[in-house]
Amino acid sequence: MNYLVYLGLRNYDLPQVRASLARKSLDLFERECTLKHHVHENYNAITGSGMSAPATVSITGVLFWL
């Protein structure tokens, strides 16, 4: 979803907002990947914590297929 919002923001002269969204999105991804060794598909909009889902993919599982 963040990617789609980012694409929409390209239609406006808001470089600081785009940079902030990109930085926060990367921070969220890196934190989850570093601390829990997997990435959630969905995150809580208020807390930023990953939401449980039965189909969560682990980094180990992804690396196996590479």
Protein backbone atom coordinates (compact mmCIF):
# COMPACT_ATOMS: atom_id res chain seq x y z
CA MET A 1 0.00 0.00 0.00
CA ASN A 2 2.84 2.39 0.81
CA TYR A 3 4.18 1.92 -2.70
CA LEU A 4 0.84 2.92 -4.22
CA VAL A 5 0.67 5.99 -1.99
CA TYR A 6 4.22 6.87 -3.01
CA LEU A 7 3.27 6.59 -6.70
CA GLY A 8 0.30 8.88 -6.10
CA LEU A 9 2.48 11.42 -4.31
CA ARG A 10 4.66 11.70 -7.41
CA ASN A 11 1.80 13.67 -8.97
CA TYR A 12 2.37 16.48 -6.47
CA ASP A 13 5.30 18.74 -5.66
CA LEU A 14 5.90 17.18 -2.24
CA PRO A 15 9.44 15.76 -2.27
CA GLN A 16 9.78 15.90 1.52
CA VAL A 17 6.58 13.89 2.00
CA ARG A 18 7.70 11.26 -0.52
CA ALA A 19 11.11 11.01 1.13
CA SER A 20 9.53 10.68 4.58
CA LEU A 21 7.17 7.92 3.41
CA ALA A 22 10.01 6.04 1.73
CA ARG A 23 12.24 6.34 4.82
CA LYS A 24 9.50 5.21 7.21
CA SER A 25 8.58 2.30 4.93
CA LEU A 26 12.18 1.14 4.75
CA ASP A 27 12.60 1.50 8.53
CA LEU A 28 9.50 -0.60 9.11
CA PHE A 29 10.71 -3.31 6.73
CA GLU A 30 14.26 -3.37 8.12
CA ARG A 31 13.12 -3.45 11.75
CA GLU A 32 10.81 -6.39 11.15
CA CYS A 33 13.36 -8.27 9.07
CA THR A 34 16.21 -7.68 11.53
CA LEU A 35 14.32 -8.39 14.76
CA LYS A 36 11.99 -11.18 13.68
CA HIS A 37 13.68 -12.52 10.54
CA HIS A 38 10.50 -12.24 8.51
CA VAL A 39 8.28 -9.57 7.02
CA HIS A 40 4.55 -9.23 7.55
CA GLU A 41 2.21 -8.43 4.72
CA ASN A 42 0.05 -6.24 6.97
CA TYR A 43 0.95 -3.78 9.72
CA ASN A 44 -1.12 -2.07 12.37
CA ALA A 45 -1.69 1.52 11.23
CA ILE A 46 -1.43 2.88 14.77
CA THR A 47 1.39 0.85 16.34
CA GLY A 48 3.33 -0.17 13.24
CA SER A 49 3.62 -3.73 14.52
CA GLY A 50 3.22 -6.63 12.14
CA MET A 51 -0.16 -8.32 12.17
CA SER A 52 -0.36 -12.08 12.39
CA ALA A 53 -1.37 -13.94 9.28
CA PRO A 54 -1.30 -17.66 8.58
CA ALA A 55 0.63 -17.14 5.34
CA THR A 56 3.54 -15.12 6.77
CA VAL A 57 6.67 -15.78 4.74
CA SER A 58 9.97 -16.15 6.57
CA ILE A 59 13.21 -14.84 5.15
CA THR A 60 14.65 -18.33 5.48
CA GLY A 61 11.88 -19.67 3.28
CA VAL A 62 12.51 -17.01 0.65
CA LEU A 63 16.26 -17.63 0.67
CA PHE A 64 15.63 -21.35 0.20
CA TRP A 65 14.09 -20.67 -3.21
CA LEU A 66 16.95 -18.42 -4.34
